Amino acid sequence: MPRIAHAVSAAALLCAAGAFGADEEKLAVNHKAPALEVSDWVKGKPVTGFEEGKIYVVEFWATWCGPCIASMPHLTELQKEYKDKGVTIIGVSSQDPNNSLEKVEAMVKDKGDEGMGYSVAFDAERATNQAFMKAAERGGIPCSFVVDPTGDLAYIGHPIFLDVPLAELTAGTWNDDKAESYAKRESEVFSTLYGRDVSADDKIDWIESFEAEFPAVSKLDFITELRGQLYMQTGEYDKARAALESAIRNNPNFSVAYANLGKFISSESSFRMATLLDPNDKSWKM
């Protein structure tokens, strides 16, 4: 696979950085949402326009994107929760050298309604990607754009943060001040989690508070892996084992990354890393 979830996790999360208050040339919150120009509707009723009074989530993803796949169950839950409140979630996958209509169709079929319980569209000419992602200067996926009942963009960011905007939009309590504050909060969280000057202990505390604020985060395997790496740094090996084995069970391909990680840590930690996976325990294997 040309792109691995761990390699793009941090970059993908940059999508969550604040999008409020950008200049006029850059697509941002409070701008009119661009039109959807997709070549194929793989799942769900085609959306020909953003209907007044309705709320839409346009989420960009690809079949090779680990964080995108990890976000699918949460998007499915949100669609179920807000289906009767005028919310339509659309997963838009754009053509690229490693992403095709055939691959999207196969994944949608494999996931079914339980794994992808929302509309899915394919952007063969990348017109919608250009209109949304490039116009908003967003390079990482998954990335979601929320269209409010007036057709304006109310939120731009990672789909794990959709709970609050959707809850407040459907309640009619979302406003500019909340959008700005929320964007700053997301940026603050990730600058802390990936900051070089922040201790492992502080990052662990942040993850715990972060998960309490955004419950969907606890279901993302790369966050679980990050916690495992941090526990390795603090010497809490039992906790590291529990976190890493949990991530591996969710995505067995991560086991190779963990084995390689052991080469770059201290001899004692390397020994403990080598024993993280019990060779007699096959429950994590697919």
C-alpha atoms as a PDB file:
ATOM      1  CA  MET A   1       0.000   0.000   0.000  1.00  0.00           C
ATOM      2  CA  PRO A   2       1.581   3.303  -1.078  1.00  0.00           C
ATOM      3  CA  ARG A   3       0.280   5.296   1.839  1.00  0.00           C
ATOM      4  CA  ILE A   4       0.083   4.017   5.385  1.00  0.00           C
ATOM      5  CA  ALA A   5      -2.351   5.306   7.987  1.00  0.00           C
ATOM      6  CA  HIS A   6       0.422   6.166  10.426  1.00  0.00           C
ATOM      7  CA  ALA A   7       2.354   8.139   7.862  1.00  0.00           C
ATOM      8  CA  VAL A   8      -0.595  10.369   7.117  1.00  0.00           C
ATOM      9  CA  SER A   9      -2.255  10.569  10.531  1.00  0.00           C
ATOM     10  CA  ALA A  10      -0.685  13.839  11.605  1.00  0.00           C
ATOM     11  CA  ALA A  11      -1.024  15.368   8.145  1.00  0.00           C
ATOM     12  CA  ALA A  12      -4.624  14.277   7.865  1.00  0.00           C
ATOM     13  CA  LEU A  13      -5.457  15.845  11.193  1.00  0.00           C
ATOM     14  CA  LEU A  14      -4.255  19.186   9.916  1.00  0.00           C
ATOM     15  CA  CYS A  15      -7.643  19.313   8.244  1.00  0.00           C
ATOM     16  CA  ALA A  16      -9.006  20.014  11.691  1.00  0.00           C
ATOM     17  CA  ALA A  17      -7.043  23.254  12.034  1.00  0.00           C
ATOM     18  CA  GLY A  18      -9.174  26.368  12.250  1.00  0.00           C
ATOM     19  CA  ALA A  19     -10.811  27.533   9.053  1.00  0.00           C
ATOM     20  CA  PHE A  20     -12.518  30.590  10.493  1.00  0.00           C
ATOM     21  CA  GLY A  21     -11.665  34.095   9.394  1.00  0.00           C
ATOM     22  CA  ALA A  22      -9.831  33.272   6.177  1.00  0.00           C
ATOM     23  CA  ASP A  23      -9.509  35.811   3.386  1.00  0.00           C
ATOM     24  CA  GLU A  24     -12.001  36.069   0.539  1.00  0.00           C
ATOM     25  CA  GLU A  25      -9.896  34.053  -1.887  1.00  0.00           C
ATOM     26  CA  LYS A  26      -9.884  31.062   0.422  1.00  0.00           C
ATOM     27  CA  LEU A  27     -13.036  29.005   0.944  1.00  0.00           C
ATOM     28  CA  ALA A  28     -13.927  29.255   4.620  1.00  0.00           C
ATOM     29  CA  VAL A  29     -16.680  29.164   7.200  1.00  0.00           C
ATOM     30  CA  ASN A  30     -19.555  31.555   6.331  1.00  0.00           C
ATOM     31  CA  HIS A  31     -18.859  31.254   2.592  1.00  0.00           C
ATOM     32  CA  LYS A  32     -21.490  29.770   0.311  1.00  0.00           C
ATOM     33  CA  ALA A  33     -20.939  26.064  -0.193  1.00  0.00           C
ATOM     34  CA  PRO A  34     -19.772  25.157  -3.713  1.00  0.00           C
ATOM     35  CA  ALA A  35     -21.959  22.953  -5.860  1.00  0.00           C
ATOM     36  CA  LEU A  36     -21.469  19.207  -5.890  1.00  0.00           C
ATOM     37  CA  GLU A  37     -20.145  17.986  -9.242  1.00  0.00           C
ATOM     38  CA  VAL A  38     -19.744  14.227  -9.001  1.00  0.00           C
ATOM     39  CA  SER A  39     -19.673  11.641 -11.749  1.00  0.00           C
ATOM     40  CA  ASP A  40     -21.246   8.712  -9.900  1.00  0.00           C
ATOM     41  CA  TRP A  41     -23.527   8.212  -6.928  1.00  0.00           C
ATOM     42  CA  VAL A  42     -22.323   4.925  -5.513  1.00  0.00           C
ATOM     43  CA  LYS A  43     -24.757   4.841  -2.616  1.00  0.00           C
ATOM     44  CA  GLY A  44     -27.805   6.832  -1.594  1.00  0.00           C
ATOM     45  CA  LYS A  45     -30.106   9.229  -3.373  1.00  0.00           C
ATOM     46  CA  PRO A  46     -28.259  11.717  -5.605  1.00  0.00           C
ATOM     47  CA  VAL A  47     -27.999  15.212  -4.161  1.00  0.00           C
ATOM     48  CA  THR A  48     -28.432  17.695  -6.998  1.00  0.00           C
ATOM     49  CA  GLY A  49     -28.272  20.748  -4.759  1.00  0.00           C
ATOM     50  CA  PHE A  50     -28.194  21.837  -1.136  1.00  0.00           C
ATOM     51  CA  GLU A  51     -31.836  22.171  -0.187  1.00  0.00           C
ATOM     52  CA  GLU A  52     -32.769  25.158   1.974  1.00  0.00           C
ATOM     53  CA  GLY A  53     -33.577  24.155   5.529  1.00  0.00           C
ATOM     54  CA  LYS A  54     -31.445  21.012   5.345  1.00  0.00           C
ATOM     55  CA  ILE A  55     -27.985  20.294   6.720  1.00  0.00           C
ATOM     56  CA  TYR A  56     -25.309  18.468   4.736  1.00  0.00           C
ATOM     57  CA  VAL A  57     -21.921  16.989   5.552  1.00  0.00           C
ATOM     58  CA  VAL A  58     -19.555  16.635   2.588  1.00  0.00           C
ATOM     59  CA  GLU A  59     -16.713  14.390   3.746  1.00  0.00           C
ATOM     60  CA  PHE A  60     -13.674  13.723   1.544  1.00  0.00           C
ATOM     61  CA  TRP A  61     -12.043  10.310   1.797  1.00  0.00           C
ATOM     62  CA  ALA A  62     -10.141   7.643  -0.170  1.00  0.00           C
ATOM     63  CA  THR A  63      -9.942   3.866  -0.098  1.00  0.00           C
ATOM     64  CA  TRP A  64      -6.211   3.974   0.808  1.00  0.00           C
ATOM     65  CA  CYS A  65      -6.698   6.365   3.740  1.00  0.00           C
ATOM     66  CA  GLY A  66      -6.552   4.629   7.130  1.00  0.00           C
ATOM     67  CA  PRO A  67      -7.936   7.562   9.171  1.00  0.00           C
ATOM     68  CA  CYS A  68     -10.790   7.856   6.642  1.00  0.00           C
ATOM     69  CA  ILE A  69     -11.740   4.221   7.135  1.00  0.00           C
ATOM     70  CA  ALA A  70     -11.447   4.612  10.909  1.00  0.00           C
ATOM     71  CA  SER A  71     -13.941   7.505  10.752  1.00  0.00           C
ATOM     72  CA  MET A  72     -16.613   5.544   8.846  1.00  0.00           C
ATOM     73  CA  PRO A  73     -18.328   3.983  11.876  1.00  0.00           C
ATOM     74  CA  HIS A  74     -18.649   7.406  13.493  1.00  0.00           C
ATOM     75  CA  LEU A  75     -20.134   8.920  10.340  1.00  0.00           C
ATOM     76  CA  THR A  76     -22.577   6.007  10.203  1.00  0.00           C
ATOM     77  CA  GLU A  77     -23.624   6.660  13.796  1.00  0.00           C
ATOM     78  CA  LEU A  78     -24.097  10.361  13.099  1.00  0.00           C
ATOM     79  CA  GLN A  79     -26.255   9.678  10.034  1.00  0.00           C
ATOM     80  CA  LYS A  80     -28.485   7.377  12.093  1.00  0.00           C
ATOM     81  CA  GLU A  81     -28.723   9.911  14.893  1.00  0.00           C
ATOM     82  CA  TYR A  82     -29.563  12.890  12.697  1.00  0.00           C
ATOM     83  CA  LYS A  83     -31.431  11.257   9.813  1.00  0.00           C
ATOM     84  CA  ASP A  84     -34.787  12.533  11.046  1.00  0.00           C
ATOM     85  CA  LYS A  85     -33.383  15.998  11.755  1.00  0.00           C
ATOM     86  CA  GLY A  86     -32.668  16.927   8.150  1.00  0.00           C
ATOM     87  CA  VAL A  87     -29.007  15.894   8.015  1.00  0.00           C
ATOM     88  CA  THR A  88     -27.488  14.154   4.982  1.00  0.00           C
ATOM     89  CA  ILE A  89     -23.917  12.864   5.103  1.00  0.00           C
ATOM     90  CA  ILE A  90     -22.107  12.410   1.786  1.00  0.00           C
ATOM     91  CA  GLY A  91     -18.753  10.696   1.515  1.00  0.00           C
ATOM     92  CA  VAL A  92     -17.010  12.042  -1.590  1.00  0.00           C
ATOM     93  CA  SER A  93     -14.075  10.028  -2.917  1.00  0.00           C
ATOM     94  CA  SER A  94     -11.994  11.586  -5.684  1.00  0.00           C
ATOM     95  CA  GLN A  95     -10.044   9.929  -8.463  1.00  0.00           C
ATOM     96  CA  ASP A  96      -6.313   9.607  -7.905  1.00  0.00           C
ATOM     97  CA  PRO A  97      -3.600   7.117  -8.976  1.00  0.00           C
ATOM     98  CA  ASN A  98      -4.480   4.833  -6.053  1.00  0.00           C
ATOM     99  CA  ASN A  99      -8.214   5.488  -5.837  1.00  0.00           C
ATOM    100  CA  SER A 100     -10.758   4.474  -8.475  1.00  0.00           C
ATOM    101  CA  LEU A 101     -14.497   4.047  -8.890  1.00  0.00           C
ATOM    102  CA  GLU A 102     -14.040   0.279  -8.829  1.00  0.00           C
ATOM    103  CA  LYS A 103     -12.177   0.413  -5.517  1.00  0.00           C
ATOM    104  CA  VAL A 104     -14.807   2.716  -4.018  1.00  0.00           C
ATOM    105  CA  GLU A 105     -17.649   0.476  -5.167  1.00  0.00           C
ATOM    106  CA  ALA A 106     -15.911  -2.578  -3.735  1.00  0.00           C
ATOM    107  CA  MET A 107     -15.346  -0.931  -0.360  1.00  0.00           C
ATOM    108  CA  VAL A 108     -18.910   0.352  -0.153  1.00  0.00           C
ATOM    109  CA  LYS A 109     -20.210  -3.133  -0.910  1.00  0.00           C
ATOM    110  CA  ASP A 110     -17.867  -4.716   1.626  1.00  0.00           C
ATOM    111  CA  LYS A 111     -18.737  -2.240   4.404  1.00  0.00           C
ATOM    112  CA  GLY A 112     -22.497  -2.428   3.856  1.00  0.00           C
ATOM    113  CA  ASP A 113     -24.963  -0.271   5.761  1.00  0.00           C
ATOM    114  CA  GLU A 114     -23.368  -1.040   9.113  1.00  0.00           C
ATOM    115  CA  GLY A 115     -19.950   0.143   8.002  1.00  0.00           C
ATOM    116  CA  MET A 116     -20.944   2.971   5.653  1.00  0.00           C
ATOM    117  CA  GLY A 117     -24.501   3.931   6.445  1.00  0.00           C
ATOM    118  CA  TYR A 118     -24.554   7.166   4.474  1.00  0.00           C
ATOM    119  CA  SER A 119     -24.452   8.433   0.881  1.00  0.00           C
ATOM    120  CA  VAL A 120     -21.288   7.925  -1.166  1.00  0.00           C
ATOM    121  CA  ALA A 121     -20.274   9.732  -4.369  1.00  0.00           C
ATOM    122  CA  PHE A 122     -17.319   9.433  -6.724  1.00  0.00           C
ATOM    123  CA  ASP A 123     -15.576  12.513  -8.089  1.00  0.00           C
ATOM    124  CA  ALA A 124     -13.949  11.223 -11.284  1.00  0.00           C
ATOM    125  CA  GLU A 125     -12.847  14.629 -12.594  1.00  0.00           C
ATOM    126  CA  ARG A 126     -11.922  15.943  -9.122  1.00  0.00           C
ATOM    127  CA  ALA A 127     -14.203  18.919  -9.709  1.00  0.00           C
ATOM    128  CA  THR A 128     -15.751  18.728  -6.248  1.00  0.00           C
ATOM    129  CA  ASN A 129     -12.342  18.180  -4.680  1.00  0.00           C
ATOM    130  CA  GLN A 130     -11.098  21.327  -6.390  1.00  0.00           C
ATOM    131  CA  ALA A 131     -14.173  23.323  -5.382  1.00  0.00           C
ATOM    132  CA  PHE A 132     -13.972  22.335  -1.719  1.00  0.00           C
ATOM    133  CA  MET A 133     -10.577  20.956  -0.695  1.00  0.00           C
ATOM    134  CA  LYS A 134      -8.284  22.992  -2.906  1.00  0.00           C
ATOM    135  CA  ALA A 135     -10.343  26.161  -2.517  1.00  0.00           C
ATOM    136  CA  ALA A 136     -10.149  25.814   1.268  1.00  0.00           C
ATOM    137  CA  GLU A 137      -6.420  24.977   1.066  1.00  0.00           C
ATOM    138  CA  ARG A 138      -6.945  21.602   2.698  1.00  0.00           C
ATOM    139  CA  GLY A 139      -4.413  18.935   1.847  1.00  0.00           C
ATOM    140  CA  GLY A 140      -5.259  16.137   4.298  1.00  0.00           C
ATOM    141  CA  ILE A 141      -8.120  13.669   4.437  1.00  0.00           C
ATOM    142  CA  PRO A 142     -10.510  12.829   5.923  1.00  0.00           C
ATOM    143  CA  CYS A 143     -11.901  16.319   5.866  1.00  0.00           C
ATOM    144  CA  SER A 144     -15.520  17.342   6.292  1.00  0.00           C
ATOM    145  CA  PHE A 145     -17.459  20.434   5.247  1.00  0.00           C
ATOM    146  CA  VAL A 146     -20.784  21.130   6.976  1.00  0.00           C
ATOM    147  CA  VAL A 147     -23.389  23.064   5.012  1.00  0.00           C
ATOM    148  CA  ASP A 148     -25.968  24.862   7.152  1.00  0.00           C
ATOM    149  CA  PRO A 149     -29.694  25.328   6.352  1.00  0.00           C
ATOM    150  CA  THR A 150     -28.964  28.550   4.443  1.00  0.00           C
ATOM    151  CA  GLY A 151     -26.364  26.922   2.185  1.00  0.00           C
ATOM    152  CA  ASP A 152     -23.356  28.448   3.953  1.00  0.00           C
ATOM    153  CA  LEU A 153     -20.384  26.545   5.324  1.00  0.00           C
ATOM    154  CA  ALA A 154     -20.737  26.228   9.091  1.00  0.00           C
ATOM    155  CA  TYR A 155     -17.732  24.039   9.846  1.00  0.00           C
ATOM    156  CA  ILE A 156     -14.621  22.633   8.159  1.00  0.00           C
ATOM    157  CA  GLY A 157     -12.549  19.956   9.864  1.00  0.00           C
ATOM    158  CA  HIS A 158     -11.885  16.340  10.737  1.00  0.00           C
ATOM    159  CA  PRO A 159     -15.065  14.223  10.935  1.00  0.00           C
ATOM    160  CA  ILE A 160     -14.306  13.120  14.508  1.00  0.00           C
ATOM    161  CA  PHE A 161     -15.277  16.657  15.536  1.00  0.00           C
ATOM    162  CA  LEU A 162     -18.697  16.678  13.875  1.00  0.00           C
ATOM    163  CA  ASP A 163     -20.708  15.877  17.009  1.00  0.00           C
ATOM    164  CA  VAL A 164     -20.815  19.394  18.408  1.00  0.00           C
ATOM    165  CA  PRO A 165     -21.507  21.327  15.166  1.00  0.00           C
ATOM    166  CA  LEU A 166     -24.303  18.921  14.158  1.00  0.00           C
ATOM    167  CA  ALA A 167     -25.884  18.967  17.609  1.00  0.00           C
ATOM    168  CA  GLU A 168     -25.883  22.757  17.714  1.00  0.00           C
ATOM    169  CA  LEU A 169     -26.911  23.267  14.095  1.00  0.00           C
ATOM    170  CA  THR A 170     -29.932  20.989  14.481  1.00  0.00           C
ATOM    171  CA  ALA A 171     -30.803  22.802  17.705  1.00  0.00           C
ATOM    172  CA  GLY A 172     -30.380  26.201  16.056  1.00  0.00           C
ATOM    173  CA  THR A 173     -27.706  27.321  18.543  1.00  0.00           C
ATOM    174  CA  TRP A 174     -24.568  27.280  16.342  1.00  0.00           C
ATOM    175  CA  ASN A 175     -23.131  30.749  15.689  1.00  0.00           C
ATOM    176  CA  ASP A 176     -19.980  32.532  14.517  1.00  0.00           C
ATOM    177  CA  ASP A 177     -18.480  32.820  17.990  1.00  0.00           C
ATOM    178  CA  LYS A 178     -18.879  29.093  18.615  1.00  0.00           C
ATOM    179  CA  ALA A 179     -17.421  28.263  15.204  1.00  0.00           C
ATOM    180  CA  GLU A 180     -14.341  30.373  15.899  1.00  0.00           C
ATOM    181  CA  SER A 181     -13.894  29.010  19.428  1.00  0.00           C
ATOM    182  CA  TYR A 182     -14.322  25.435  18.248  1.00  0.00           C
ATOM    183  CA  ALA A 183     -11.744  25.813  15.488  1.00  0.00           C
ATOM    184  CA  LYS A 184      -9.212  27.218  17.957  1.00  0.00           C
ATOM    185  CA  ARG A 185      -9.870  24.331  20.346  1.00  0.00           C
ATOM    186  CA  GLU A 186      -9.184  21.730  17.659  1.00  0.00           C
ATOM    187  CA  SER A 187      -5.951  23.437  16.643  1.00  0.00           C
ATOM    188  CA  GLU A 188      -4.843  23.654  20.279  1.00  0.00           C
ATOM    189  CA  VAL A 189      -5.486  19.975  20.909  1.00  0.00           C
ATOM    190  CA  PHE A 190      -3.445  18.707  17.980  1.00  0.00           C
ATOM    191  CA  SER A 191      -0.601  21.162  18.402  1.00  0.00           C
ATOM    192  CA  THR A 192      -0.305  19.738  21.925  1.00  0.00           C
ATOM    193  CA  LEU A 193      -0.560  16.066  20.950  1.00  0.00           C
ATOM    194  CA  TYR A 194       2.114  16.413  18.264  1.00  0.00           C
ATOM    195  CA  GLY A 195       4.170  19.163  19.907  1.00  0.00           C
ATOM    196  CA  ARG A 196       7.859  18.412  20.419  1.00  0.00           C
ATOM    197  CA  ASP A 197       8.085  20.464  23.616  1.00  0.00           C
ATOM    198  CA  VAL A 198       5.210  18.687  25.386  1.00  0.00           C
ATOM    199  CA  SER A 199       6.048  15.825  27.754  1.00  0.00           C
ATOM    200  CA  ALA A 200       4.620  12.324  27.285  1.00  0.00           C
ATOM    201  CA  ASP A 201       2.763  12.618  30.603  1.00  0.00           C
ATOM    202  CA  ASP A 202       1.127  15.863  29.521  1.00  0.00           C
ATOM    203  CA  LYS A 203       0.165  14.354  26.174  1.00  0.00           C
ATOM    204  CA  ILE A 204      -1.462  11.384  27.900  1.00  0.00           C
ATOM    205  CA  ASP A 205      -3.455  13.782  30.088  1.00  0.00           C
ATOM    206  CA  TRP A 206      -4.494  15.679  26.961  1.00  0.00           C
ATOM    207  CA  ILE A 207      -5.633  12.508  25.208  1.00  0.00           C
ATOM    208  CA  GLU A 208      -7.809  11.577  28.176  1.00  0.00           C
ATOM    209  CA  SER A 209      -9.417  15.009  28.344  1.00  0.00           C
ATOM    210  CA  PHE A 210      -9.687  15.065  24.569  1.00  0.00           C
ATOM    211  CA  GLU A 211     -11.551  11.744  24.516  1.00  0.00           C
ATOM    212  CA  ALA A 212     -13.923  12.981  27.198  1.00  0.00           C
ATOM    213  CA  GLU A 213     -14.697  16.010  25.042  1.00  0.00           C
ATOM    214  CA  PHE A 214     -14.803  14.111  21.734  1.00  0.00           C
ATOM    215  CA  PRO A 215     -15.844  10.471  22.439  1.00  0.00           C
ATOM    216  CA  ALA A 216     -15.329   9.410  18.815  1.00  0.00           C
ATOM    217  CA  VAL A 217     -11.583   9.892  19.245  1.00  0.00           C
ATOM    218  CA  SER A 218     -11.289   6.797  21.456  1.00  0.00           C
ATOM    219  CA  LYS A 219     -12.362   4.647  18.476  1.00  0.00           C
ATOM    220  CA  LEU A 220      -9.525   5.779  16.211  1.00  0.00           C
ATOM    221  CA  ASP A 221      -6.679   3.267  16.081  1.00  0.00           C
ATOM    222  CA  PHE A 222      -3.916   5.817  15.486  1.00  0.00           C
ATOM    223  CA  ILE A 223      -4.895   7.658  18.677  1.00  0.00           C
ATOM    224  CA  THR A 224      -4.771   4.337  20.531  1.00  0.00           C
ATOM    225  CA  GLU A 225      -1.341   3.690  19.017  1.00  0.00           C
ATOM    226  CA  LEU A 226      -0.171   7.162  20.006  1.00  0.00           C
ATOM    227  CA  ARG A 227      -1.199   6.444  23.590  1.00  0.00           C
ATOM    228  CA  GLY A 228       0.769   3.179  23.449  1.00  0.00           C
ATOM    229  CA  GLN A 229       3.896   4.971  22.252  1.00  0.00           C
ATOM    230  CA  LEU A 230       3.526   7.561  25.006  1.00  0.00           C
ATOM    231  CA  TYR A 231       3.209   4.851  27.652  1.00  0.00           C
ATOM    232  CA  MET A 232       6.425   3.343  26.309  1.00  0.00           C
ATOM    233  CA  GLN A 233       8.113   6.698  26.897  1.00  0.00           C
ATOM    234  CA  THR A 234       6.826   6.921  30.466  1.00  0.00           C
ATOM    235  CA  GLY A 235       7.816   3.327  31.230  1.00  0.00           C
ATOM    236  CA  GLU A 236       4.239   2.132  31.767  1.00  0.00           C
ATOM    237  CA  TYR A 237       4.722  -1.024  29.750  1.00  0.00           C
ATOM    238  CA  ASP A 238       1.572  -2.849  30.818  1.00  0.00           C
ATOM    239  CA  LYS A 239      -0.531   0.070  29.653  1.00  0.00           C
ATOM    240  CA  ALA A 240       1.542   0.290  26.468  1.00  0.00           C
ATOM    241  CA  ARG A 241       0.892  -3.361  25.731  1.00  0.00           C
ATOM    242  CA  ALA A 242      -2.858  -2.970  26.287  1.00  0.00           C
ATOM    243  CA  ALA A 243      -3.043   0.083  24.019  1.00  0.00           C
ATOM    244  CA  LEU A 244      -0.892  -1.339  21.226  1.00  0.00           C
ATOM    245  CA  GLU A 245      -2.609  -4.719  21.206  1.00  0.00           C
ATOM    246  CA  SER A 246      -5.961  -2.929  21.019  1.00  0.00           C
ATOM    247  CA  ALA A 247      -4.777  -0.967  17.981  1.00  0.00           C
ATOM    248  CA  ILE A 248      -3.394  -4.112  16.357  1.00  0.00           C
ATOM    249  CA  ARG A 249      -6.666  -5.971  16.826  1.00  0.00           C
ATOM    250  CA  ASN A 250      -8.442  -3.127  15.065  1.00  0.00           C
ATOM    251  CA  ASN A 251      -5.836  -3.057  12.290  1.00  0.00           C
ATOM    252  CA  PRO A 252      -3.414  -6.012  12.201  1.00  0.00           C
ATOM    253  CA  ASN A 253      -1.191  -4.273   9.624  1.00  0.00           C
ATOM    254  CA  PHE A 254       0.085  -1.978  12.381  1.00  0.00           C
ATOM    255  CA  SER A 255       2.103  -4.834  13.919  1.00  0.00           C
ATOM    256  CA  VAL A 256       4.949  -4.215  11.462  1.00  0.00           C
ATOM    257  CA  ALA A 257       5.159  -0.578  12.507  1.00  0.00           C
ATOM    258  CA  TYR A 258       5.421  -1.588  16.157  1.00  0.00           C
ATOM    259  CA  ALA A 259       8.217  -4.075  15.429  1.00  0.00           C
ATOM    260  CA  ASN A 260      10.177  -1.380  13.591  1.00  0.00           C
ATOM    261  CA  LEU A 261       9.590   1.098  16.414  1.00  0.00           C
ATOM    262  CA  GLY A 262      11.503  -1.165  18.779  1.00  0.00           C
ATOM    263  CA  LYS A 263      14.718  -0.559  16.842  1.00  0.00           C
ATOM    264  CA  PHE A 264      14.769   3.100  17.815  1.00  0.00           C
ATOM    265  CA  ILE A 265      14.196   2.908  21.562  1.00  0.00           C
ATOM    266  CA  SER A 266      16.368   1.872  24.503  1.00  0.00           C
ATOM    267  CA  SER A 267      17.509  -1.708  24.960  1.00  0.00           C
ATOM    268  CA  GLU A 268      15.185  -2.305  27.893  1.00  0.00           C
ATOM    269  CA  SER A 269      12.244  -0.817  26.019  1.00  0.00           C
ATOM    270  CA  SER A 270      13.219  -2.774  22.915  1.00  0.00           C
ATOM    271  CA  PHE A 271      13.086  -5.994  24.889  1.00  0.00           C
ATOM    272  CA  ARG A 272       9.706  -5.109  26.299  1.00  0.00           C
ATOM    273  CA  MET A 273       8.454  -4.050  22.861  1.00  0.00           C
ATOM    274  CA  ALA A 274       9.539  -7.421  21.472  1.00  0.00           C
ATOM    275  CA  THR A 275       7.378  -9.126  24.091  1.00  0.00           C
ATOM    276  CA  LEU A 276       4.312  -6.976  23.514  1.00  0.00           C
ATOM    277  CA  LEU A 277       2.838  -9.504  21.123  1.00  0.00           C
ATOM    278  CA  ASP A 278       2.402 -12.917  22.717  1.00  0.00           C
ATOM    279  CA  PRO A 279       3.314 -15.454  19.972  1.00  0.00           C
ATOM    280  CA  ASN A 280       0.765 -17.838  21.495  1.00  0.00           C
ATOM    281  CA  ASP A 281      -2.013 -15.273  21.275  1.00  0.00           C
ATOM    282  CA  LYS A 282      -3.485 -15.459  17.766  1.00  0.00           C
ATOM    283  CA  SER A 283      -6.686 -13.573  18.590  1.00  0.00           C
ATOM    284  CA  TRP A 284      -5.450 -10.378  16.903  1.00  0.00           C
ATOM    285  CA  LYS A 285      -4.721 -12.098  13.605  1.00  0.00           C
ATOM    286  CA  MET A 286      -7.255 -11.842  10.741  1.00  0.00           C
END
